Amino acid sequence: MDNNNQDRFIVSVKVGPKGQITIPKEAREMFDIKEGETLMVLGDKQRGIAILKADAFYHIAEDQIK
């Protein structure tokens, strides 16, 4: 992985036979993702897929409701 900027990276992952991907170590460390943690997968046909930690998603959703 080429990581010239400590705040960003690009990496490819392969989808396994059960539709699973592995989140690269660098991403898990950067976003403090721990084993067993819940993530949210958001999808939009035009904009693509985003993965967020559940607590961050709930915080954003809460702000939108206020």
PDB file of N, CA and C in Angstrom:
ATOM      1  N   MET A   1       0.838  -1.174   0.000  1.00  0.00           N
ATOM      2  CA  MET A   1       0.000   0.000   0.000  1.00  0.00           C
ATOM      3  C   MET A   1       0.881   1.233   0.000  1.00  0.00           C
ATOM      4  N   ASP A   2       0.563   2.183  -0.884  1.00  0.00           N
ATOM      5  CA  ASP A   2       1.275   3.443  -0.942  1.00  0.00           C
ATOM      6  C   ASP A   2       0.543   4.440  -0.068  1.00  0.00           C
ATOM      7  N   ASN A   3       1.199   4.921   0.975  1.00  0.00           N
ATOM      8  CA  ASN A   3       0.546   5.824   1.912  1.00  0.00           C
ATOM      9  C   ASN A   3       1.452   7.016   2.172  1.00  0.00           C
ATOM     10  N   ASN A   4       1.432   7.990   1.261  1.00  0.00           N
ATOM     11  CA  ASN A   4       2.255   9.177   1.424  1.00  0.00           C
ATOM     12  C   ASN A   4       1.629  10.189   2.366  1.00  0.00           C
ATOM     13  N   ASN A   5       0.336  10.129   2.578  1.00  0.00           N
ATOM     14  CA  ASN A   5      -0.380  11.040   3.461  1.00  0.00           C
ATOM     15  C   ASN A   5      -0.954  10.215   4.610  1.00  0.00           C
ATOM     16  N   GLN A   6      -0.665  10.580   5.830  1.00  0.00           N
ATOM     17  CA  GLN A   6      -1.105   9.800   6.985  1.00  0.00           C
ATOM     18  C   GLN A   6      -2.605   9.879   7.237  1.00  0.00           C
ATOM     19  N   ASP A   7      -3.309  10.776   6.552  1.00  0.00           N
ATOM     20  CA  ASP A   7      -4.746  10.930   6.745  1.00  0.00           C
ATOM     21  C   ASP A   7      -5.576  10.229   5.672  1.00  0.00           C
ATOM     22  N   ARG A   8      -4.928   9.681   4.648  1.00  0.00           N
ATOM     23  CA  ARG A   8      -5.643   9.062   3.532  1.00  0.00           C
ATOM     24  C   ARG A   8      -4.891   7.845   3.033  1.00  0.00           C
ATOM     25  N   PHE A   9      -5.631   6.957   2.395  1.00  0.00           N
ATOM     26  CA  PHE A   9      -4.994   5.845   1.709  1.00  0.00           C
ATOM     27  C   PHE A   9      -5.960   5.256   0.704  1.00  0.00           C
ATOM     28  N   ILE A  10      -5.426   4.527  -0.233  1.00  0.00           N
ATOM     29  CA  ILE A  10      -6.229   3.804  -1.213  1.00  0.00           C
ATOM     30  C   ILE A  10      -5.741   2.366  -1.194  1.00  0.00           C
ATOM     31  N   VAL A  11      -6.671   1.442  -1.138  1.00  0.00           N
ATOM     32  CA  VAL A  11      -6.318   0.028  -1.126  1.00  0.00           C
ATOM     33  C   VAL A  11      -7.451  -0.743  -1.802  1.00  0.00           C
ATOM     34  N   SER A  12      -7.105  -1.828  -2.453  1.00  0.00           N
ATOM     35  CA  SER A  12      -8.147  -2.670  -3.045  1.00  0.00           C
ATOM     36  C   SER A  12      -8.389  -3.867  -2.135  1.00  0.00           C
ATOM     37  N   VAL A  13      -9.629  -4.318  -2.106  1.00  0.00           N
ATOM     38  CA  VAL A  13      -9.994  -5.519  -1.356  1.00  0.00           C
ATOM     39  C   VAL A  13     -10.818  -6.399  -2.282  1.00  0.00           C
ATOM     40  N   LYS A  14     -10.805  -7.688  -2.026  1.00  0.00           N
ATOM     41  CA  LYS A  14     -11.598  -8.619  -2.817  1.00  0.00           C
ATOM     42  C   LYS A  14     -12.800  -9.083  -2.023  1.00  0.00           C
ATOM     43  N   VAL A  15     -13.894  -9.258  -2.735  1.00  0.00           N
ATOM     44  CA  VAL A  15     -15.110  -9.771  -2.117  1.00  0.00           C
ATOM     45  C   VAL A  15     -15.034 -11.290  -2.128  1.00  0.00           C
ATOM     46  N   GLY A  16     -15.225 -11.904  -0.955  1.00  0.00           N
ATOM     47  CA  GLY A  16     -15.170 -13.351  -0.824  1.00  0.00           C
ATOM     48  C   GLY A  16     -16.473 -14.004  -1.272  1.00  0.00           C
ATOM     49  N   PRO A  17     -16.515 -15.327  -1.248  1.00  0.00           N
ATOM     50  CA  PRO A  17     -17.695 -16.056  -1.730  1.00  0.00           C
ATOM     51  C   PRO A  17     -18.974 -15.764  -0.940  1.00  0.00           C
ATOM     52  N   LYS A  18     -18.853 -15.296   0.292  1.00  0.00           N
ATOM     53  CA  LYS A  18     -20.032 -14.952   1.096  1.00  0.00           C
ATOM     54  C   LYS A  18     -20.326 -13.454   1.054  1.00  0.00           C
ATOM     55  N   GLY A  19     -19.677 -12.736   0.129  1.00  0.00           N
ATOM     56  CA  GLY A  19     -19.892 -11.301   0.010  1.00  0.00           C
ATOM     57  C   GLY A  19     -19.130 -10.486   1.042  1.00  0.00           C
ATOM     58  N   GLN A  20     -18.171 -11.093   1.711  1.00  0.00           N
ATOM     59  CA  GLN A  20     -17.436 -10.411   2.770  1.00  0.00           C
ATOM     60  C   GLN A  20     -16.163  -9.768   2.228  1.00  0.00           C
ATOM     61  N   ILE A  21     -15.759  -8.666   2.886  1.00  0.00           N
ATOM     62  CA  ILE A  21     -14.476  -8.046   2.608  1.00  0.00           C
ATOM     63  C   ILE A  21     -13.703  -7.962   3.921  1.00  0.00           C
ATOM     64  N   THR A  22     -12.401  -7.830   3.817  1.00  0.00           N
ATOM     65  CA  THR A  22     -11.564  -7.602   4.986  1.00  0.00           C
ATOM     66  C   THR A  22     -11.183  -6.133   5.000  1.00  0.00           C
ATOM     67  N   ILE A  23     -11.415  -5.478   6.115  1.00  0.00           N
ATOM     68  CA  ILE A  23     -11.007  -4.080   6.255  1.00  0.00           C
ATOM     69  C   ILE A  23      -9.508  -4.086   6.556  1.00  0.00           C
ATOM     70  N   PRO A  24      -8.716  -3.431   5.722  1.00  0.00           N
ATOM     71  CA  PRO A  24      -7.264  -3.448   5.907  1.00  0.00           C
ATOM     72  C   PRO A  24      -6.841  -2.917   7.276  1.00  0.00           C
ATOM     73  N   LYS A  25      -5.742  -3.445   7.760  1.00  0.00           N
ATOM     74  CA  LYS A  25      -5.213  -3.075   9.073  1.00  0.00           C
ATOM     75  C   LYS A  25      -5.056  -1.565   9.202  1.00  0.00           C
ATOM     76  N   GLU A  26      -4.540  -0.919   8.153  1.00  0.00           N
ATOM     77  CA  GLU A  26      -4.329   0.532   8.196  1.00  0.00           C
ATOM     78  C   GLU A  26      -5.645   1.273   8.436  1.00  0.00           C
ATOM     79  N   ALA A  27      -6.725   0.811   7.815  1.00  0.00           N
ATOM     80  CA  ALA A  27      -8.040   1.448   8.009  1.00  0.00           C
ATOM     81  C   ALA A  27      -8.556   1.176   9.411  1.00  0.00           C
ATOM     82  N   ARG A  28      -8.395  -0.064   9.877  1.00  0.00           N
ATOM     83  CA  ARG A  28      -8.861  -0.385  11.243  1.00  0.00           C
ATOM     84  C   ARG A  28      -8.124   0.456  12.274  1.00  0.00           C
ATOM     85  N   GLU A  29      -6.831   0.648  12.075  1.00  0.00           N
ATOM     86  CA  GLU A  29      -6.064   1.458  13.012  1.00  0.00           C
ATOM     87  C   GLU A  29      -6.436   2.930  12.912  1.00  0.00           C
ATOM     88  N   MET A  30      -6.561   3.446  11.683  1.00  0.00           N
ATOM     89  CA  MET A  30      -6.876   4.853  11.475  1.00  0.00           C
ATOM     90  C   MET A  30      -8.222   5.220  12.105  1.00  0.00           C
ATOM     91  N   PHE A  31      -9.215   4.325  11.980  1.00  0.00           N
ATOM     92  CA  PHE A  31     -10.557   4.613  12.467  1.00  0.00           C
ATOM     93  C   PHE A  31     -10.884   3.887  13.767  1.00  0.00           C
ATOM     94  N   ASP A  32      -9.877   3.294  14.394  1.00  0.00           N
ATOM     95  CA  ASP A  32     -10.020   2.620  15.687  1.00  0.00           C
ATOM     96  C   ASP A  32     -11.171   1.605  15.665  1.00  0.00           C
ATOM     97  N   ILE A  33     -11.172   0.749  14.649  1.00  0.00           N
ATOM     98  CA  ILE A  33     -12.190  -0.286  14.506  1.00  0.00           C
ATOM     99  C   ILE A  33     -11.687  -1.542  15.203  1.00  0.00           C
ATOM    100  N   LYS A  34     -12.457  -2.002  16.163  1.00  0.00           N
ATOM    101  CA  LYS A  34     -12.083  -3.182  16.957  1.00  0.00           C
ATOM    102  C   LYS A  34     -12.920  -4.391  16.552  1.00  0.00           C
ATOM    103  N   GLU A  35     -12.400  -5.568  16.822  1.00  0.00           N
ATOM    104  CA  GLU A  35     -13.126  -6.811  16.553  1.00  0.00           C
ATOM    105  C   GLU A  35     -14.472  -6.793  17.272  1.00  0.00           C
ATOM    106  N   GLY A  36     -15.522  -7.186  16.575  1.00  0.00           N
ATOM    107  CA  GLY A  36     -16.859  -7.250  17.157  1.00  0.00           C
ATOM    108  C   GLY A  36     -17.629  -5.946  17.113  1.00  0.00           C
ATOM    109  N   GLU A  37     -16.983  -4.870  16.678  1.00  0.00           N
ATOM    110  CA  GLU A  37     -17.648  -3.572  16.616  1.00  0.00           C
ATOM    111  C   GLU A  37     -18.674  -3.559  15.478  1.00  0.00           C
ATOM    112  N   THR A  38     -19.756  -2.812  15.674  1.00  0.00           N
ATOM    113  CA  THR A  38     -20.799  -2.704  14.667  1.00  0.00           C
ATOM    114  C   THR A  38     -20.484  -1.560  13.716  1.00  0.00           C
ATOM    115  N   LEU A  39     -20.602  -1.854  12.416  1.00  0.00           N
ATOM    116  CA  LEU A  39     -20.404  -0.850  11.377  1.00  0.00           C
ATOM    117  C   LEU A  39     -21.694  -0.706  10.586  1.00  0.00           C
ATOM    118  N   MET A  40     -21.900   0.454  10.011  1.00  0.00           N
ATOM    119  CA  MET A  40     -23.054   0.713   9.160  1.00  0.00           C
ATOM    120  C   MET A  40     -22.557   0.783   7.719  1.00  0.00           C
ATOM    121  N   VAL A  41     -23.279   0.151   6.806  1.00  0.00           N
ATOM    122  CA  VAL A  41     -22.963   0.220   5.385  1.00  0.00           C
ATOM    123  C   VAL A  41     -24.067   1.016   4.724  1.00  0.00           C
ATOM    124  N   LEU A  42     -23.699   2.131   4.121  1.00  0.00           N
ATOM    125  CA  LEU A  42     -24.657   3.006   3.455  1.00  0.00           C
ATOM    126  C   LEU A  42     -24.418   2.904   1.954  1.00  0.00           C
ATOM    127  N   GLY A  43     -25.485   2.852   1.179  1.00  0.00           N
ATOM    128  CA  GLY A  43     -25.327   2.725  -0.259  1.00  0.00           C
ATOM    129  C   GLY A  43     -26.226   3.659  -1.028  1.00  0.00           C
ATOM    130  N   ASP A  44     -25.716   4.172  -2.117  1.00  0.00           N
ATOM    131  CA  ASP A  44     -26.449   5.036  -3.030  1.00  0.00           C
ATOM    132  C   ASP A  44     -25.952   4.703  -4.429  1.00  0.00           C
ATOM    133  N   LYS A  45     -26.852   4.369  -5.340  1.00  0.00           N
ATOM    134  CA  LYS A  45     -26.442   3.952  -6.688  1.00  0.00           C
ATOM    135  C   LYS A  45     -25.585   5.001  -7.389  1.00  0.00           C
ATOM    136  N   GLN A  46     -25.849   6.261  -7.156  1.00  0.00           N
ATOM    137  CA  GLN A  46     -25.094   7.324  -7.823  1.00  0.00           C
ATOM    138  C   GLN A  46     -23.768   7.633  -7.127  1.00  0.00           C
ATOM    139  N   ARG A  47     -23.743   7.548  -5.803  1.00  0.00           N
ATOM    140  CA  ARG A  47     -22.575   7.996  -5.035  1.00  0.00           C
ATOM    141  C   ARG A  47     -21.692   6.862  -4.521  1.00  0.00           C
ATOM    142  N   GLY A  48     -22.205   5.641  -4.500  1.00  0.00           N
ATOM    143  CA  GLY A  48     -21.394   4.512  -4.071  1.00  0.00           C
ATOM    144  C   GLY A  48     -21.713   4.039  -2.664  1.00  0.00           C
ATOM    145  N   ILE A  49     -20.722   3.396  -2.043  1.00  0.00           N
ATOM    146  CA  ILE A  49     -20.883   2.756  -0.737  1.00  0.00           C
ATOM    147  C   ILE A  49     -19.994   3.476   0.279  1.00  0.00           C
ATOM    148  N   ALA A  50     -20.506   3.633   1.488  1.00  0.00           N
ATOM    149  CA  ALA A  50     -19.733   4.188   2.596  1.00  0.00           C
ATOM    150  C   ALA A  50     -19.869   3.263   3.791  1.00  0.00           C
ATOM    151  N   ILE A  51     -18.805   3.143   4.557  1.00  0.00           N
ATOM    152  CA  ILE A  51     -18.812   2.341   5.784  1.00  0.00           C
ATOM    153  C   ILE A  51     -18.489   3.281   6.940  1.00  0.00           C
ATOM    154  N   LEU A  52     -19.360   3.277   7.952  1.00  0.00           N
ATOM    155  CA  LEU A  52     -19.185   4.133   9.120  1.00  0.00           C
ATOM    156  C   LEU A  52     -19.273   3.301  10.391  1.00  0.00           C
ATOM    157  N   LYS A  53     -18.565   3.730  11.413  1.00  0.00           N
ATOM    158  CA  LYS A  53     -18.760   3.118  12.717  1.00  0.00           C
ATOM    159  C   LYS A  53     -20.170   3.467  13.166  1.00  0.00           C
ATOM    160  N   ALA A  54     -20.849   2.543  13.808  1.00  0.00           N
ATOM    161  CA  ALA A  54     -22.245   2.753  14.200  1.00  0.00           C
ATOM    162  C   ALA A  54     -22.404   3.973  15.094  1.00  0.00           C
ATOM    163  N   ASP A  55     -21.494   4.176  16.037  1.00  0.00           N
ATOM    164  CA  ASP A  55     -21.640   5.322  16.937  1.00  0.00           C
ATOM    165  C   ASP A  55     -21.534   6.638  16.175  1.00  0.00           C
ATOM    166  N   ALA A  56     -20.680   6.713  15.166  1.00  0.00           N
ATOM    167  CA  ALA A  56     -20.571   7.921  14.341  1.00  0.00           C
ATOM    168  C   ALA A  56     -21.850   8.126  13.541  1.00  0.00           C
ATOM    169  N   PHE A  57     -22.400   7.050  13.001  1.00  0.00           N
ATOM    170  CA  PHE A  57     -23.644   7.139  12.238  1.00  0.00           C
ATOM    171  C   PHE A  57     -24.774   7.648  13.115  1.00  0.00           C
ATOM    172  N   TYR A  58     -24.917   7.095  14.306  1.00  0.00           N
ATOM    173  CA  TYR A  58     -25.990   7.513  15.205  1.00  0.00           C
ATOM    174  C   TYR A  58     -25.820   8.975  15.618  1.00  0.00           C
ATOM    175  N   HIS A  59     -24.588   9.417  15.788  1.00  0.00           N
ATOM    176  CA  HIS A  59     -24.314  10.815  16.137  1.00  0.00           C
ATOM    177  C   HIS A  59     -24.761  11.729  14.990  1.00  0.00           C
ATOM    178  N   ILE A  60     -24.432  11.363  13.752  1.00  0.00           N
ATOM    179  CA  ILE A  60     -24.845  12.148  12.578  1.00  0.00           C
ATOM    180  C   ILE A  60     -26.360  12.157  12.464  1.00  0.00           C
ATOM    181  N   ALA A  61     -26.991  11.001  12.622  1.00  0.00           N
ATOM    182  CA  ALA A  61     -28.454  10.903  12.517  1.00  0.00           C
ATOM    183  C   ALA A  61     -29.119  11.748  13.597  1.00  0.00           C
ATOM    184  N   GLU A  62     -28.588  11.718  14.791  1.00  0.00           N
ATOM    185  CA  GLU A  62     -29.142  12.505  15.895  1.00  0.00           C
ATOM    186  C   GLU A  62     -29.072  13.988  15.580  1.00  0.00           C
ATOM    187  N   ASP A  63     -27.949  14.442  15.007  1.00  0.00           N
ATOM    188  CA  ASP A  63     -27.805  15.845  14.643  1.00  0.00           C
ATOM    189  C   ASP A  63     -28.809  16.254  13.573  1.00  0.00           C
ATOM    190  N   GLN A  64     -29.127  15.360  12.655  1.00  0.00           N
ATOM    191  CA  GLN A  64     -30.079  15.648  11.591  1.00  0.00           C
ATOM    192  C   GLN A  64     -31.510  15.758  12.113  1.00  0.00           C
ATOM    193  N   ILE A  65     -31.813  15.022  13.163  1.00  0.00           N
ATOM    194  CA  ILE A  65     -33.156  15.025  13.725  1.00  0.00           C
ATOM    195  C   ILE A  65     -33.418  16.319  14.499  1.00  0.00           C
ATOM    196  N   LYS A  66     -32.400  16.874  15.098  1.00  0.00           N
ATOM    197  CA  LYS A  66     -32.562  18.089  15.927  1.00  0.00           C
ATOM    198  C   LYS A  66     -32.949  19.287  15.111  1.00  0.00           C
TER     199      LYS A  66
END
